[in-house]
């Protein structure tokens, strides 16, 4: 793992690895294996109308048990791991 600027971090490429759609929701998962990052999108759907509602995005860093709600939170955790410091 190497130090990255926030701009470089945001430009990392994630590969689509998994997706599931149900009557009431959908889930999509994306991974960046090189940096140990995972991004998921969970979307609710109205079962009767079929219309999609707001989505929830979350991120994970391999080896870290926390779930991150924003990419900037993920970036801080990534840099903590790379640099060996706590914020």
C-alpha atoms as a PDB file:
ATOM      1  CA  UNK A   1       0.000   0.000   0.000  1.00  0.00           C
ATOM      2  CA  UNK A   2       1.292   3.419  -0.914  1.00  0.00           C
ATOM      3  CA  UNK A   3       0.451   6.931   0.213  1.00  0.00           C
ATOM      4  CA  UNK A   4      -2.062   8.648  -2.058  1.00  0.00           C
ATOM      5  CA  UNK A   5      -3.468  12.152  -2.254  1.00  0.00           C
ATOM      6  CA  UNK A   6      -7.220  12.416  -1.724  1.00  0.00           C
ATOM      7  CA  UNK A   7      -7.639  13.106  -5.452  1.00  0.00           C
ATOM      8  CA  UNK A   8      -5.636   9.988  -6.384  1.00  0.00           C
ATOM      9  CA  UNK A   9      -7.610   7.982  -3.839  1.00  0.00           C
ATOM     10  CA  UNK A  10     -10.934   9.119  -5.330  1.00  0.00           C
ATOM     11  CA  UNK A  11      -9.732   8.157  -8.815  1.00  0.00           C
ATOM     12  CA  UNK A  12      -8.994   4.522  -7.864  1.00  0.00           C
ATOM     13  CA  UNK A  13     -10.778   1.996 -10.056  1.00  0.00           C
ATOM     14  CA  UNK A  14     -13.186  -0.472  -8.458  1.00  0.00           C
ATOM     15  CA  UNK A  15     -14.251  -3.682 -10.213  1.00  0.00           C
ATOM     16  CA  UNK A  16     -17.906  -4.726 -10.077  1.00  0.00           C
ATOM     17  CA  UNK A  17     -17.861  -8.058  -8.241  1.00  0.00           C
ATOM     18  CA  UNK A  18     -21.374  -8.854  -7.073  1.00  0.00           C
ATOM     19  CA  UNK A  19     -24.919  -7.710  -7.541  1.00  0.00           C
ATOM     20  CA  UNK A  20     -28.269  -8.960  -6.320  1.00  0.00           C
ATOM     21  CA  UNK A  21     -31.761  -7.647  -6.976  1.00  0.00           C
ATOM     22  CA  UNK A  22     -34.811  -8.556  -4.941  1.00  0.00           C
ATOM     23  CA  UNK A  23     -38.440  -7.407  -4.938  1.00  0.00           C
ATOM     24  CA  UNK A  24     -37.741  -4.813  -2.255  1.00  0.00           C
ATOM     25  CA  UNK A  25     -34.057  -3.937  -2.669  1.00  0.00           C
ATOM     26  CA  UNK A  26     -30.813  -4.305  -4.593  1.00  0.00           C
ATOM     27  CA  UNK A  27     -27.187  -4.587  -3.528  1.00  0.00           C
ATOM     28  CA  UNK A  28     -24.073  -3.972  -5.637  1.00  0.00           C
ATOM     29  CA  UNK A  29     -20.503  -4.580  -4.515  1.00  0.00           C
ATOM     30  CA  UNK A  30     -17.280  -3.172  -5.982  1.00  0.00           C
ATOM     31  CA  UNK A  31     -13.689  -4.064  -4.998  1.00  0.00           C
ATOM     32  CA  UNK A  32     -10.215  -2.661  -5.388  1.00  0.00           C
ATOM     33  CA  UNK A  33      -8.049  -5.652  -4.491  1.00  0.00           C
ATOM     34  CA  UNK A  34      -4.730  -3.817  -4.848  1.00  0.00           C
ATOM     35  CA  UNK A  35      -5.600  -1.393  -2.032  1.00  0.00           C
ATOM     36  CA  UNK A  36      -7.969  -3.662  -0.057  1.00  0.00           C
ATOM     37  CA  UNK A  37     -11.044  -1.458  -0.516  1.00  0.00           C
ATOM     38  CA  UNK A  38     -14.704  -2.369  -0.889  1.00  0.00           C
ATOM     39  CA  UNK A  39     -17.646  -0.152  -1.828  1.00  0.00           C
ATOM     40  CA  UNK A  40     -21.281  -1.247  -1.592  1.00  0.00           C
ATOM     41  CA  UNK A  41     -24.511   0.377  -2.718  1.00  0.00           C
ATOM     42  CA  UNK A  42     -27.818  -0.703  -1.155  1.00  0.00           C
ATOM     43  CA  UNK A  43     -31.019   0.571  -2.781  1.00  0.00           C
ATOM     44  CA  UNK A  44     -34.583   0.139  -1.513  1.00  0.00           C
ATOM     45  CA  UNK A  45     -37.442  -0.432  -3.967  1.00  0.00           C
ATOM     46  CA  UNK A  46     -41.209  -0.175  -3.601  1.00  0.00           C
ATOM     47  CA  UNK A  47     -42.496  -3.714  -4.124  1.00  0.00           C
ATOM     48  CA  UNK A  48     -45.820  -2.603  -5.606  1.00  0.00           C
ATOM     49  CA  UNK A  49     -44.734   0.186  -7.948  1.00  0.00           C
ATOM     50  CA  UNK A  50     -41.213  -1.065  -8.693  1.00  0.00           C
ATOM     51  CA  UNK A  51     -39.833   2.459  -8.231  1.00  0.00           C
ATOM     52  CA  UNK A  52     -36.353   2.800  -6.757  1.00  0.00           C
ATOM     53  CA  UNK A  53     -35.789   4.904  -3.641  1.00  0.00           C
ATOM     54  CA  UNK A  54     -32.727   6.466  -2.046  1.00  0.00           C
ATOM     55  CA  UNK A  55     -29.557   4.462  -1.847  1.00  0.00           C
ATOM     56  CA  UNK A  56     -27.129   3.906   0.978  1.00  0.00           C
ATOM     57  CA  UNK A  57     -23.426   3.781   0.193  1.00  0.00           C
ATOM     58  CA  UNK A  58     -20.822   2.279   2.498  1.00  0.00           C
ATOM     59  CA  UNK A  59     -17.110   1.507   2.300  1.00  0.00           C
ATOM     60  CA  UNK A  60     -14.765  -0.959   3.996  1.00  0.00           C
ATOM     61  CA  UNK A  61     -11.018  -1.320   4.325  1.00  0.00           C
ATOM     62  CA  UNK A  62      -9.579  -4.818   4.591  1.00  0.00           C
ATOM     63  CA  UNK A  63      -8.333  -5.523   8.115  1.00  0.00           C
ATOM     64  CA  UNK A  64     -10.470  -2.758   9.649  1.00  0.00           C
ATOM     65  CA  UNK A  65     -13.761  -3.701  11.319  1.00  0.00           C
ATOM     66  CA  UNK A  66     -15.327  -0.257  10.863  1.00  0.00           C
ATOM     67  CA  UNK A  67     -17.918   0.612   8.218  1.00  0.00           C
ATOM     68  CA  UNK A  68     -17.428   4.036   6.627  1.00  0.00           C
ATOM     69  CA  UNK A  69     -20.294   6.244   5.484  1.00  0.00           C
ATOM     70  CA  UNK A  70     -18.230   8.581   3.291  1.00  0.00           C
ATOM     71  CA  UNK A  71     -15.195   8.245   1.065  1.00  0.00           C
ATOM     72  CA  UNK A  72     -13.271  10.837   3.100  1.00  0.00           C
ATOM     73  CA  UNK A  73     -13.691   8.691   6.238  1.00  0.00           C
ATOM     74  CA  UNK A  74     -12.357   5.730   4.268  1.00  0.00           C
ATOM     75  CA  UNK A  75      -9.420   7.811   3.043  1.00  0.00           C
ATOM     76  CA  UNK A  76      -8.438   8.767   6.606  1.00  0.00           C
ATOM     77  CA  UNK A  77      -8.538   5.113   7.693  1.00  0.00           C
ATOM     78  CA  UNK A  78      -6.511   4.113   4.624  1.00  0.00           C
ATOM     79  CA  UNK A  79      -3.841   6.725   5.342  1.00  0.00           C
ATOM     80  CA  UNK A  80      -3.754   5.693   9.031  1.00  0.00           C
ATOM     81  CA  UNK A  81      -3.007   2.146   7.900  1.00  0.00           C
ATOM     82  CA  UNK A  82      -0.410   3.201   5.309  1.00  0.00           C
ATOM     83  CA  UNK A  83       1.407   5.665   7.583  1.00  0.00           C
ATOM     84  CA  UNK A  84       0.949   3.714  10.821  1.00  0.00           C
ATOM     85  CA  UNK A  85      -0.650   6.610  12.726  1.00  0.00           C
ATOM     86  CA  UNK A  86      -4.045   7.242  14.321  1.00  0.00           C
ATOM     87  CA  UNK A  87      -6.052  10.421  13.687  1.00  0.00           C
END
